Amino acid sequence: MFIKIFLTIIFLTVMIAVGIYSRKQASSVDGFVLGGRSVGPWLTAFAYGTSYFSAVVFVGYAGQFGWKYGLSSTWIGIGNAIIGSLLAWIILGRRTKLMTQHIESRTMPDFFGTRFSDQGLRVTASVIAFVFLIPYTAGVYKGISTLFEMGFGIPYEYCVIIMAILTAIYVILGGYKATAMNDFIQGIIMLFGIIAIIAAVLNQQGGLTMAVDKLAQIPADGTPTVNGGFATLFGPDPWNLLGVVILTSLGTWGLPQMVGKFYSITDEDAIRRGTIISTIFALIVAGGCYFLGGFGRLFGTPPTLPNGKLAFDSIVPSMLTTLPDVLIALVVLLVLSASMSTLASLVLTSSSTMTLDLIYRDKKSLPGEVEEGAIDDMVSEHIERRKVVVMRVLIVFFIVISLMIALNPPTFIAQLMGISWGALAGAFLAPFMLGLYWRGVTTASVWACFAWGVGITVVNMLVGNPINPINCGAIAMLGGFPVVWIVSIVTPKMNKQTVDSIFKCYE
């Protein structure tokens, strides 16, 4: 216990120290939200990866999908690396950086409002982002607290509150730069941690070969036949596995806290290097998490919840309870690192969106237009400082709301994530990506996609989830592309001169 407490205190002290160190760079809006748009490839790549993978992946997804699909769940991690990291950086990275800087966009809702010349889109997108980032944050709290409860014996409620307070401190102090620097430190811990834990867990089962042999002898659920496919290449249920791969990999392309990383990176050369770093990071961390979860059935059946369902979120913690204390401490730091980085990104995204896109909606001129009524520099500086103060207050507000959900979570972590990612990426992915490439996207098509992504997710939830929330999320994302394309064909086009001025950034 001394080792676990000692290492955790050192870790948390470093996190807060980084927040204090970065506070001078967080005095302006650009500094607080984007790190002055001057964050290098290593910090950006690690910020992207650590925001992507949290306790939700390590505890919720790895446990639940490892139980359902066995070793084939490793495909989810590979999909996260190839689709969610490599292709996301290649397809979105450069164009997002250039266009958002050209139109002076600081958030994803700001992008929609300016790119499609409709401030109503900006307001609606900010509300969607704020509302549906809350269940995501609650899922992260739930995951980290489950591991903390296992490692320290501290009641779940106290774990949730402590993590919320500590994350709020360093984000409020240092903004995005503090978050990115801490993400780098946390990312290093995650890389070494996942490798060490996989080795230790497999060693408990007699090594990799013996562990795979044991898994191959386990029958499928509900059938007496031996070998349920848990040790095969595509597992017992490849189609539902594909839905999970799509949701968890393609979903990052439409999440405000993920795409925002491209806003802040320094230049195009940094994007090329960041692409490689981010992909390798995802392959090790995500691939390792799901590979580890695939052996969950070797450690016994998880406890049953009052409703009769298996407590999937307890699978990974149960695999780790017999590890030596030093490794338990490493697990705690691994999950702390993964979760605090994601929490920091979520609360920063939510507070900046609410402040810049709802409370202080500046009327901006498009590139090439003359800005009317320029305000005095001193007045402008005062407004900037006030915006930063409001963002800090909203960070506390957002954390309190998500805490209330986390203290009484309605469902499994994976389902919380399915609802959150499905609505956000279903609404934002298609219009954002197509808006970077296609001049023909119309304002009406963006409204239609917002209605589609949020509508299908909410209706499915209200009628009792006849479609699994994860599969529903995948349908929402993919369905957004034909929605935007069809509506853009039949609705009035945007002003050609306005669109041409926006796309000049690529010339």
Protein backbone atom coordinates (compact mmCIF):
# COMPACT_ATOMS: atom_id res chain seq x y z
CA MET A 1 0.00 0.00 0.00
CA PHE A 2 2.91 2.36 0.77
CA ILE A 3 4.33 1.82 -2.74
CA LYS A 4 0.96 2.50 -4.37
CA ILE A 5 0.31 5.65 -2.34
CA PHE A 6 3.88 6.96 -2.78
CA LEU A 7 3.90 6.57 -6.57
CA THR A 8 0.41 8.03 -6.91
CA ILE A 9 1.32 11.11 -4.84
CA ILE A 10 4.42 11.70 -7.00
CA PHE A 11 2.34 11.35 -10.15
CA LEU A 12 -0.34 13.79 -8.99
CA THR A 13 2.24 16.29 -7.75
CA VAL A 14 3.89 16.32 -11.19
CA MET A 15 0.52 16.88 -12.88
CA ILE A 16 -0.31 19.90 -10.73
CA ALA A 17 3.26 21.26 -11.05
CA VAL A 18 2.88 21.22 -14.84
CA GLY A 19 -0.37 23.17 -14.48
CA ILE A 20 1.38 25.81 -12.39
CA TYR A 21 4.29 25.95 -14.86
CA SER A 22 1.93 26.48 -17.82
CA ARG A 23 -0.34 29.07 -16.24
CA LYS A 24 1.36 32.09 -17.88
CA GLN A 25 0.56 30.70 -21.33
CA ALA A 26 -3.11 30.32 -20.40
CA SER A 27 -3.92 34.01 -19.97
CA SER A 28 -5.41 34.49 -23.46
CA VAL A 29 -8.17 32.52 -25.18
CA ASP A 30 -5.85 31.11 -27.86
CA GLY A 31 -3.32 30.20 -25.19
CA PHE A 32 -5.90 28.56 -22.90
CA VAL A 33 -7.79 26.66 -25.63
CA LEU A 34 -5.13 25.95 -28.28
CA GLY A 35 -1.75 26.48 -26.62
CA GLY A 36 -1.14 29.42 -28.96
CA ARG A 37 -1.40 27.06 -31.99
CA SER A 38 2.27 26.21 -31.45
CA VAL A 39 2.22 22.70 -29.95
CA GLY A 40 4.82 20.34 -31.46
CA PRO A 41 4.30 16.87 -33.01
CA TRP A 42 5.25 14.79 -29.95
CA LEU A 43 2.98 16.67 -27.55
CA THR A 44 0.13 16.74 -30.07
CA ALA A 45 0.45 13.04 -30.98
CA PHE A 46 0.50 11.99 -27.32
CA ALA A 47 -2.36 14.39 -26.52
CA TYR A 48 -4.38 12.78 -29.33
CA GLY A 49 -3.59 9.25 -28.15
CA THR A 50 -4.13 9.81 -24.45
CA SER A 51 -7.41 11.65 -25.11
CA TYR A 52 -8.47 8.69 -27.28
CA PHE A 53 -7.68 5.92 -24.78
CA SER A 54 -8.83 6.19 -21.18
CA ALA A 55 -10.16 3.94 -18.43
CA VAL A 56 -13.15 3.52 -20.73
CA VAL A 57 -10.94 1.45 -23.04
CA PHE A 58 -8.81 -0.26 -20.40
CA VAL A 59 -11.64 -1.18 -18.03
CA GLY A 60 -14.95 -0.93 -19.93
CA TYR A 61 -14.24 -1.79 -23.55
CA ALA A 62 -11.35 -4.24 -23.04
CA GLY A 63 -13.35 -6.14 -20.42
CA GLN A 64 -16.71 -6.26 -22.18
CA PHE A 65 -15.50 -6.87 -25.73
CA GLY A 66 -12.71 -9.20 -24.64
CA TRP A 67 -15.38 -11.30 -22.92
CA LYS A 68 -17.64 -11.28 -25.98
CA TYR A 69 -15.10 -11.75 -28.76
CA GLY A 70 -12.01 -13.25 -27.12
CA LEU A 71 -8.67 -12.60 -28.81
CA SER A 72 -10.41 -11.26 -31.93
CA SER A 73 -11.17 -8.12 -29.90
CA THR A 74 -7.56 -7.18 -30.70
CA TRP A 75 -8.92 -6.10 -34.11
CA ILE A 76 -10.59 -3.19 -32.32
CA GLY A 77 -7.19 -1.92 -31.20
CA ILE A 78 -5.73 -2.41 -34.68
CA GLY A 79 -8.70 -0.53 -36.16
CA ASN A 80 -8.14 2.28 -33.65
CA ALA A 81 -4.51 2.56 -34.78
CA ILE A 82 -5.12 2.36 -38.55
CA ILE A 83 -8.49 4.13 -38.94
CA GLY A 84 -8.73 6.17 -35.74
CA SER A 85 -5.15 7.43 -35.78
CA LEU A 86 -3.25 6.93 -39.06
CA LEU A 87 -6.07 7.72 -41.51
CA ALA A 88 -7.51 10.43 -39.26
CA TRP A 89 -4.20 12.29 -39.26
CA ILE A 90 -3.67 11.79 -43.01
CA ILE A 91 -7.18 12.80 -44.10
CA LEU A 92 -8.06 15.43 -41.50
CA GLY A 93 -4.79 16.72 -40.02
CA ARG A 94 -3.42 19.10 -42.66
CA ARG A 95 -6.76 20.37 -43.96
CA THR A 96 -8.12 20.97 -40.45
CA LYS A 97 -5.02 22.90 -39.42
CA LEU A 98 -5.01 25.12 -42.54
CA MET A 99 -8.74 25.85 -42.78
CA THR A 100 -9.37 26.47 -39.08
CA GLN A 101 -6.39 28.82 -38.90
CA HIS A 102 -7.54 30.59 -42.10
CA ILE A 103 -11.07 31.23 -40.83
CA GLU A 104 -9.82 31.80 -37.24
CA SER A 105 -11.86 28.94 -35.82
CA ARG A 106 -11.08 27.83 -32.25
CA THR A 107 -13.69 25.11 -31.75
CA MET A 108 -15.65 22.65 -33.88
CA PRO A 109 -18.97 24.53 -33.44
CA ASP A 110 -17.11 27.71 -34.46
CA PHE A 111 -15.97 25.86 -37.60
CA PHE A 112 -19.55 24.95 -38.53
CA GLY A 113 -20.80 28.50 -37.95
CA THR A 114 -18.06 30.13 -40.04
CA ARG A 115 -17.53 27.50 -42.74
CA PHE A 116 -21.26 27.31 -43.51
CA SER A 117 -22.11 30.97 -42.76
CA ASP A 118 -24.78 30.17 -40.16
CA GLN A 119 -24.37 31.11 -36.51
CA GLY A 120 -27.37 28.93 -35.68
CA LEU A 121 -25.22 25.92 -36.56
CA ARG A 122 -22.56 27.18 -34.18
CA VAL A 123 -25.02 27.44 -31.28
CA THR A 124 -26.67 24.08 -31.99
CA ALA A 125 -23.34 22.29 -32.36
CA SER A 126 -22.12 23.71 -29.05
CA VAL A 127 -25.25 22.46 -27.25
CA ILE A 128 -24.89 19.00 -28.83
CA ALA A 129 -21.20 18.88 -27.83
CA PHE A 130 -21.87 19.96 -24.24
CA VAL A 131 -24.79 17.57 -23.68
CA PHE A 132 -23.25 14.45 -25.20
CA LEU A 133 -19.76 14.88 -23.78
CA ILE A 134 -21.27 14.49 -20.31
CA PRO A 135 -22.02 10.71 -20.54
CA TYR A 136 -18.54 10.21 -22.01
CA THR A 137 -17.00 11.97 -19.01
CA ALA A 138 -19.17 9.96 -16.62
CA GLY A 139 -17.93 6.76 -18.26
CA VAL A 140 -14.31 7.83 -17.74
CA TYR A 141 -14.96 8.56 -14.06
CA LYS A 142 -16.61 5.19 -13.62
CA GLY A 143 -13.71 3.35 -15.22
CA ILE A 144 -10.96 5.03 -13.23
CA SER A 145 -12.83 4.68 -9.94
CA THR A 146 -13.41 0.95 -10.45
CA LEU A 147 -9.64 0.42 -10.73
CA PHE A 148 -8.88 2.75 -7.83
CA GLU A 149 -11.35 0.89 -5.64
CA MET A 150 -9.58 -2.36 -6.53
CA GLY A 151 -6.07 -0.99 -5.97
CA PHE A 152 -6.57 1.06 -2.81
CA GLY A 153 -9.79 -0.18 -1.27
CA ILE A 154 -11.16 3.39 -1.34
CA PRO A 155 -14.95 3.61 -1.84
CA TYR A 156 -16.01 4.41 -5.39
CA GLU A 157 -17.65 7.73 -4.49
CA TYR A 158 -14.47 9.14 -2.92
CA CYS A 159 -12.38 8.04 -5.93
CA VAL A 160 -14.68 9.87 -8.35
CA ILE A 161 -14.62 13.11 -6.35
CA ILE A 162 -10.83 13.08 -5.84
CA MET A 163 -10.15 12.55 -9.57
CA ALA A 164 -12.55 15.32 -10.51
CA ILE A 165 -10.89 17.83 -8.19
CA LEU A 166 -7.34 17.01 -9.28
CA THR A 167 -8.16 17.17 -12.99
CA ALA A 168 -9.95 20.49 -12.53
CA ILE A 169 -6.93 21.99 -10.76
CA TYR A 170 -4.36 21.47 -13.50
CA VAL A 171 -6.73 22.25 -16.38
CA ILE A 172 -7.92 25.47 -14.74
CA LEU A 173 -4.33 26.51 -14.01
CA GLY A 174 -2.62 25.72 -17.30
CA GLY A 175 -5.25 25.20 -20.01
CA TYR A 176 -4.36 23.27 -23.16
CA LYS A 177 -0.57 23.55 -22.85
CA ALA A 178 -0.65 22.01 -19.37
CA THR A 179 -2.97 19.30 -20.68
CA ALA A 180 -0.65 18.51 -23.61
CA MET A 181 2.48 18.39 -21.44
CA ASN A 182 0.77 16.14 -18.91
CA ASP A 183 -0.55 13.98 -21.75
CA PHE A 184 3.04 13.35 -22.87
CA ILE A 185 4.09 12.24 -19.38
CA GLN A 186 0.95 10.15 -19.00
CA GLY A 187 1.46 8.62 -22.45
CA ILE A 188 4.93 7.37 -21.51
CA ILE A 189 3.47 5.70 -18.41
CA MET A 190 0.72 4.11 -20.52
CA LEU A 191 3.22 2.65 -23.03
CA PHE A 192 5.40 1.00 -20.42
CA GLY A 193 2.46 0.07 -18.21
CA ILE A 194 0.44 -1.87 -20.76
CA ILE A 195 3.46 -3.92 -21.89
CA ALA A 196 4.41 -4.84 -18.30
CA ILE A 197 0.84 -5.76 -17.35
CA ILE A 198 0.28 -7.99 -20.39
CA ALA A 199 3.52 -9.85 -19.62
CA ALA A 200 2.52 -10.32 -15.96
CA VAL A 201 -1.03 -11.52 -16.74
CA LEU A 202 0.14 -14.02 -19.38
CA ASN A 203 2.81 -15.29 -17.01
CA GLN A 204 0.05 -16.12 -14.51
CA GLN A 205 -1.53 -18.38 -17.15
CA GLY A 206 1.71 -20.19 -18.02
CA GLY A 207 2.74 -18.01 -20.96
CA LEU A 208 1.14 -16.93 -24.24
CA THR A 209 0.85 -20.37 -25.86
CA MET A 210 -0.76 -22.02 -22.84
CA ALA A 211 -3.12 -19.08 -22.32
CA VAL A 212 -4.32 -19.30 -25.94
CA ASP A 213 -4.78 -23.08 -25.61
CA LYS A 214 -6.90 -22.60 -22.48
CA LEU A 215 -9.01 -19.96 -24.24
CA ALA A 216 -9.61 -22.29 -27.19
CA GLN A 217 -11.21 -24.87 -24.88
CA ILE A 218 -13.90 -22.52 -23.58
CA PRO A 219 -17.34 -23.16 -25.15
CA ALA A 220 -19.45 -20.40 -26.63
CA ASP A 221 -22.13 -18.86 -24.43
CA GLY A 222 -25.27 -20.98 -24.33
CA THR A 223 -23.84 -23.94 -26.27
CA PRO A 224 -22.29 -27.18 -24.99
CA THR A 225 -19.78 -27.44 -27.83
CA VAL A 226 -16.09 -26.95 -27.12
CA ASN A 227 -14.20 -24.06 -28.74
CA GLY A 228 -16.52 -21.12 -28.99
CA GLY A 229 -14.12 -19.27 -31.23
CA PHE A 230 -12.59 -17.11 -28.50
CA ALA A 231 -9.09 -17.99 -29.70
CA THR A 232 -9.84 -17.67 -33.42
CA LEU A 233 -8.94 -14.87 -35.82
CA PHE A 234 -12.41 -13.27 -36.14
CA GLY A 235 -14.07 -14.64 -33.01
CA PRO A 236 -17.60 -15.95 -32.43
CA ASP A 237 -19.46 -12.82 -33.67
CA PRO A 238 -17.53 -11.02 -36.46
CA TRP A 239 -20.39 -8.74 -37.59
CA ASN A 240 -20.99 -7.14 -34.20
CA LEU A 241 -17.22 -6.94 -33.80
CA LEU A 242 -17.12 -4.90 -37.01
CA GLY A 243 -19.67 -2.48 -35.53
CA VAL A 244 -17.42 -1.91 -32.53
CA VAL A 245 -14.40 -1.33 -34.77
CA ILE A 246 -16.33 1.30 -36.77
CA LEU A 247 -17.68 3.08 -33.69
CA THR A 248 -14.39 3.24 -31.80
CA SER A 249 -12.19 3.97 -34.84
CA LEU A 250 -14.19 6.22 -37.14
CA GLY A 251 -15.86 8.00 -34.23
CA THR A 252 -12.72 9.98 -33.36
CA TRP A 253 -12.99 11.81 -36.70
CA GLY A 254 -16.11 13.60 -35.49
CA LEU A 255 -15.34 14.21 -31.80
CA PRO A 256 -14.59 17.86 -30.92
CA GLN A 257 -11.94 17.01 -28.32
CA MET A 258 -10.04 14.85 -30.84
CA VAL A 259 -10.23 17.04 -33.93
CA GLY A 260 -9.25 20.03 -31.81
CA LYS A 261 -5.73 18.61 -31.53
CA PHE A 262 -5.16 19.46 -35.21
CA TYR A 263 -6.08 23.10 -34.57
CA SER A 264 -3.13 23.59 -32.22
CA ILE A 265 -0.24 21.81 -33.98
CA THR A 266 2.58 24.04 -35.25
CA ASP A 267 2.90 23.29 -38.98
CA GLU A 268 2.54 20.72 -41.78
CA ASP A 269 5.89 19.06 -41.07
CA ALA A 270 4.79 18.51 -37.47
CA ILE A 271 1.59 16.87 -38.78
CA ARG A 272 3.62 14.34 -40.80
CA ARG A 273 5.73 13.37 -37.79
CA GLY A 274 2.73 13.38 -35.47
CA THR A 275 0.95 10.91 -37.78
CA ILE A 276 3.66 8.28 -37.26
CA ILE A 277 4.00 8.86 -33.51
CA SER A 278 0.24 8.74 -32.93
CA THR A 279 -0.21 5.52 -34.93
CA ILE A 280 2.54 3.65 -33.08
CA PHE A 281 1.18 4.85 -29.74
CA ALA A 282 -2.34 3.64 -30.62
CA LEU A 283 -1.10 0.27 -31.85
CA ILE A 284 0.70 -0.44 -28.57
CA VAL A 285 -1.85 0.99 -26.13
CA ALA A 286 -5.17 0.10 -27.80
CA GLY A 287 -3.93 -3.16 -29.31
CA GLY A 288 -2.46 -4.12 -25.94
CA CYS A 289 -5.64 -3.27 -23.98
CA TYR A 290 -7.93 -5.35 -26.18
CA PHE A 291 -5.41 -8.20 -26.43
CA LEU A 292 -5.28 -8.27 -22.63
CA GLY A 293 -9.09 -8.18 -22.35
CA GLY A 294 -9.34 -11.16 -24.70
CA PHE A 295 -8.05 -13.43 -21.91
CA GLY A 296 -10.73 -12.29 -19.43
CA ARG A 297 -12.59 -15.64 -19.48
CA LEU A 298 -9.55 -17.40 -18.03
CA PHE A 299 -10.06 -15.56 -14.73
CA GLY A 300 -13.57 -16.77 -13.93
CA THR A 301 -17.06 -15.38 -14.44
CA PRO A 302 -17.54 -11.78 -13.29
CA PRO A 303 -20.15 -11.00 -10.60
CA THR A 304 -23.78 -10.45 -11.55
CA LEU A 305 -25.57 -7.11 -11.26
CA PRO A 306 -29.01 -6.81 -9.59
CA ASN A 307 -30.65 -6.90 -13.04
CA GLY A 308 -29.06 -10.28 -13.75
CA LYS A 309 -26.47 -9.07 -16.26
CA LEU A 310 -22.76 -9.70 -15.90
CA ALA A 311 -20.74 -6.83 -14.41
CA PHE A 312 -18.47 -6.41 -17.42
CA ASP A 313 -16.67 -3.43 -15.87
CA SER A 314 -15.25 -5.70 -13.16
CA ILE A 315 -13.58 -8.15 -15.60
CA VAL A 316 -10.26 -6.36 -16.04
CA PRO A 317 -9.93 -5.41 -12.34
CA SER A 318 -10.47 -9.08 -11.42
CA MET A 319 -7.63 -10.08 -13.79
CA LEU A 320 -5.25 -7.77 -11.95
CA THR A 321 -6.06 -8.41 -8.28
CA THR A 322 -3.41 -11.13 -7.88
CA LEU A 323 -0.56 -9.07 -9.38
CA PRO A 324 2.33 -7.97 -7.13
CA ASP A 325 1.90 -4.62 -5.36
CA VAL A 326 4.41 -2.87 -7.62
CA LEU A 327 2.43 -3.91 -10.70
CA ILE A 328 -0.86 -2.94 -9.04
CA ALA A 329 0.68 0.50 -8.49
CA LEU A 330 1.66 0.57 -12.18
CA VAL A 331 -1.92 -0.36 -13.15
CA VAL A 332 -3.26 2.49 -11.03
CA LEU A 333 -0.85 4.95 -12.66
CA LEU A 334 -1.68 3.58 -16.10
CA VAL A 335 -5.41 4.11 -15.60
CA LEU A 336 -4.84 7.45 -13.87
CA SER A 337 -2.73 8.58 -16.82
CA ALA A 338 -5.23 7.40 -19.41
CA SER A 339 -8.22 8.85 -17.62
CA MET A 340 -6.96 12.20 -16.39
CA SER A 341 -5.71 13.07 -19.89
CA THR A 342 -9.11 12.25 -21.38
CA LEU A 343 -10.98 14.09 -18.62
CA ALA A 344 -8.80 17.16 -19.11
CA SER A 345 -9.49 17.16 -22.84
CA LEU A 346 -13.24 16.70 -22.35
CA VAL A 347 -13.71 19.44 -19.77
CA LEU A 348 -11.52 21.88 -21.73
CA THR A 349 -13.48 21.19 -24.93
CA SER A 350 -16.84 21.59 -23.19
CA SER A 351 -15.97 24.80 -21.37
CA SER A 352 -14.38 26.44 -24.42
CA THR A 353 -17.35 25.49 -26.60
CA MET A 354 -19.89 26.91 -24.16
CA THR A 355 -17.86 30.11 -23.64
CA LEU A 356 -16.86 30.90 -27.23
CA ASP A 357 -19.92 29.57 -29.07
CA LEU A 358 -22.79 30.36 -26.70
CA ILE A 359 -21.85 33.09 -24.22
CA TYR A 360 -19.37 35.15 -26.28
CA ARG A 361 -20.30 34.68 -29.92
CA ASP A 362 -18.05 37.15 -31.72
CA LYS A 363 -19.23 38.24 -35.14
CA LYS A 364 -16.30 37.29 -37.35
CA SER A 365 -15.39 38.41 -40.83
CA LEU A 366 -14.42 35.80 -43.39
CA PRO A 367 -10.91 35.96 -44.87
CA GLY A 368 -10.65 38.90 -47.27
CA GLU A 369 -13.53 40.86 -45.70
CA VAL A 370 -13.02 44.12 -43.83
CA GLU A 371 -13.91 43.87 -40.16
CA GLU A 372 -16.27 46.60 -39.04
CA GLY A 373 -16.11 48.42 -35.74
CA ALA A 374 -12.70 47.26 -34.54
CA ILE A 375 -12.51 47.59 -30.77
CA ASP A 376 -9.78 49.18 -28.70
CA ASP A 377 -6.85 46.90 -27.78
CA MET A 378 -7.35 47.42 -24.04
CA VAL A 379 -11.04 46.56 -24.30
CA SER A 380 -10.18 43.51 -26.40
CA GLU A 381 -7.63 42.32 -23.83
CA HIS A 382 -10.18 42.75 -21.04
CA ILE A 383 -12.75 40.67 -22.96
CA GLU A 384 -10.13 37.96 -23.61
CA ARG A 385 -9.35 37.74 -19.89
CA ARG A 386 -13.05 37.60 -19.06
CA LYS A 387 -13.55 34.72 -21.52
CA VAL A 388 -10.77 32.74 -19.86
CA VAL A 389 -12.37 33.32 -16.44
CA VAL A 390 -15.75 32.13 -17.75
CA MET A 391 -14.13 29.01 -19.24
CA ARG A 392 -12.55 28.20 -15.88
CA VAL A 393 -15.91 28.56 -14.13
CA LEU A 394 -17.59 26.33 -16.72
CA ILE A 395 -14.91 23.67 -16.22
CA VAL A 396 -16.11 23.38 -12.63
CA PHE A 397 -19.75 23.37 -13.75
CA PHE A 398 -19.16 20.60 -16.33
CA ILE A 399 -17.23 18.47 -13.84
CA VAL A 400 -20.02 18.77 -11.24
CA ILE A 401 -22.69 17.63 -13.73
CA SER A 402 -20.66 14.66 -14.97
CA LEU A 403 -19.85 13.78 -11.35
CA MET A 404 -23.55 13.54 -10.55
CA ILE A 405 -24.00 11.03 -13.38
CA ALA A 406 -20.84 9.11 -12.44
CA LEU A 407 -22.02 8.73 -8.85
CA ASN A 408 -25.17 7.00 -10.13
CA PRO A 409 -24.17 5.57 -13.53
CA PRO A 410 -27.15 4.38 -15.57
CA THR A 411 -25.45 1.57 -17.52
CA PHE A 412 -22.17 -0.02 -18.49
CA ILE A 413 -19.22 2.12 -19.57
CA ALA A 414 -19.38 0.77 -23.12
CA GLN A 415 -23.04 1.76 -23.47
CA LEU A 416 -22.37 5.26 -22.08
CA MET A 417 -19.69 5.64 -24.73
CA GLY A 418 -21.94 4.30 -27.49
CA ILE A 419 -24.56 6.96 -26.75
CA SER A 420 -21.99 9.76 -26.54
CA TRP A 421 -19.89 8.85 -29.58
CA GLY A 422 -22.93 7.93 -31.68
CA ALA A 423 -24.65 11.28 -31.22
CA LEU A 424 -21.51 13.42 -31.52
CA ALA A 425 -19.84 11.68 -34.45
CA GLY A 426 -23.19 10.94 -36.11
CA ALA A 427 -23.96 14.68 -36.11
CA PHE A 428 -20.48 16.10 -36.76
CA LEU A 429 -18.34 13.61 -38.70
CA ALA A 430 -19.82 13.82 -42.20
CA PRO A 431 -20.32 17.62 -42.42
CA PHE A 432 -16.93 18.33 -40.86
CA MET A 433 -14.94 15.98 -43.08
CA LEU A 434 -16.84 16.79 -46.28
CA GLY A 435 -16.70 20.49 -45.39
CA LEU A 436 -12.90 20.32 -45.53
CA TYR A 437 -12.87 18.77 -49.02
CA TRP A 438 -16.10 19.51 -50.92
CA ARG A 439 -17.20 23.03 -51.82
CA GLY A 440 -20.69 21.76 -52.57
CA VAL A 441 -21.76 21.00 -48.98
CA THR A 442 -24.81 23.15 -48.19
CA THR A 443 -25.89 24.69 -44.90
CA ALA A 444 -29.16 22.72 -45.01
CA SER A 445 -27.24 19.43 -45.27
CA VAL A 446 -25.37 20.22 -42.06
CA TRP A 447 -28.67 20.85 -40.25
CA ALA A 448 -29.99 17.56 -41.64
CA CYS A 449 -26.95 15.64 -40.40
CA PHE A 450 -27.24 17.20 -36.93
CA ALA A 451 -30.86 16.01 -36.80
CA TRP A 452 -29.89 12.57 -38.12
CA GLY A 453 -27.02 11.87 -35.69
CA VAL A 454 -28.75 13.12 -32.55
CA GLY A 455 -32.19 11.87 -33.62
CA ILE A 456 -31.32 8.23 -34.25
CA THR A 457 -29.26 8.03 -31.03
CA VAL A 458 -31.90 9.62 -28.80
CA VAL A 459 -34.87 7.77 -30.34
CA ASN A 460 -33.05 4.44 -29.99
CA MET A 461 -32.33 5.24 -26.34
CA LEU A 462 -35.92 6.35 -25.58
CA VAL A 463 -37.48 3.19 -27.03
CA GLY A 464 -35.23 0.92 -24.97
CA ASN A 465 -32.26 0.42 -27.29
CA PRO A 466 -33.72 -2.10 -29.78
CA ILE A 467 -30.46 -1.52 -31.66
CA ASN A 468 -27.40 -2.03 -29.50
CA PRO A 469 -26.10 1.51 -28.65
CA ILE A 470 -22.71 0.61 -30.14
CA ASN A 471 -24.15 -0.59 -33.45
CA CYS A 472 -26.56 2.37 -33.45
CA GLY A 473 -23.56 4.69 -33.08
CA ALA A 474 -21.84 3.08 -36.06
CA ILE A 475 -25.02 3.45 -38.16
CA ALA A 476 -25.32 7.12 -37.14
CA MET A 477 -21.74 7.85 -38.27
CA LEU A 478 -21.84 6.07 -41.61
CA GLY A 479 -25.39 7.24 -42.37
CA GLY A 480 -24.33 10.88 -42.05
CA PHE A 481 -22.41 10.75 -45.34
CA PRO A 482 -25.39 9.92 -47.62
CA VAL A 483 -27.51 12.41 -45.64
CA VAL A 484 -25.07 15.27 -46.32
CA TRP A 485 -24.55 14.24 -49.96
CA ILE A 486 -28.25 13.86 -50.86
CA VAL A 487 -29.41 17.02 -49.06
CA SER A 488 -26.54 19.03 -50.59
CA ILE A 489 -27.66 18.01 -54.07
CA VAL A 490 -31.27 19.16 -53.62
CA THR A 491 -30.79 22.32 -51.50
CA PRO A 492 -29.50 25.81 -52.46
CA LYS A 493 -25.73 26.17 -52.72
CA MET A 494 -23.69 28.57 -50.60
CA ASN A 495 -22.41 31.83 -52.05
CA LYS A 496 -19.57 30.89 -54.45
CA GLN A 497 -17.39 33.86 -53.52
CA THR A 498 -17.66 33.03 -49.81
CA VAL A 499 -16.76 29.38 -50.37
CA ASP A 500 -13.84 30.28 -52.65
CA SER A 501 -12.43 32.63 -50.02
CA ILE A 502 -12.54 29.83 -47.44
CA PHE A 503 -10.83 27.30 -49.71
CA LYS A 504 -8.00 29.68 -50.61
CA CYS A 505 -6.08 28.29 -47.65
CA TYR A 506 -5.26 25.16 -49.69
CA GLU A 507 -3.81 26.99 -52.67
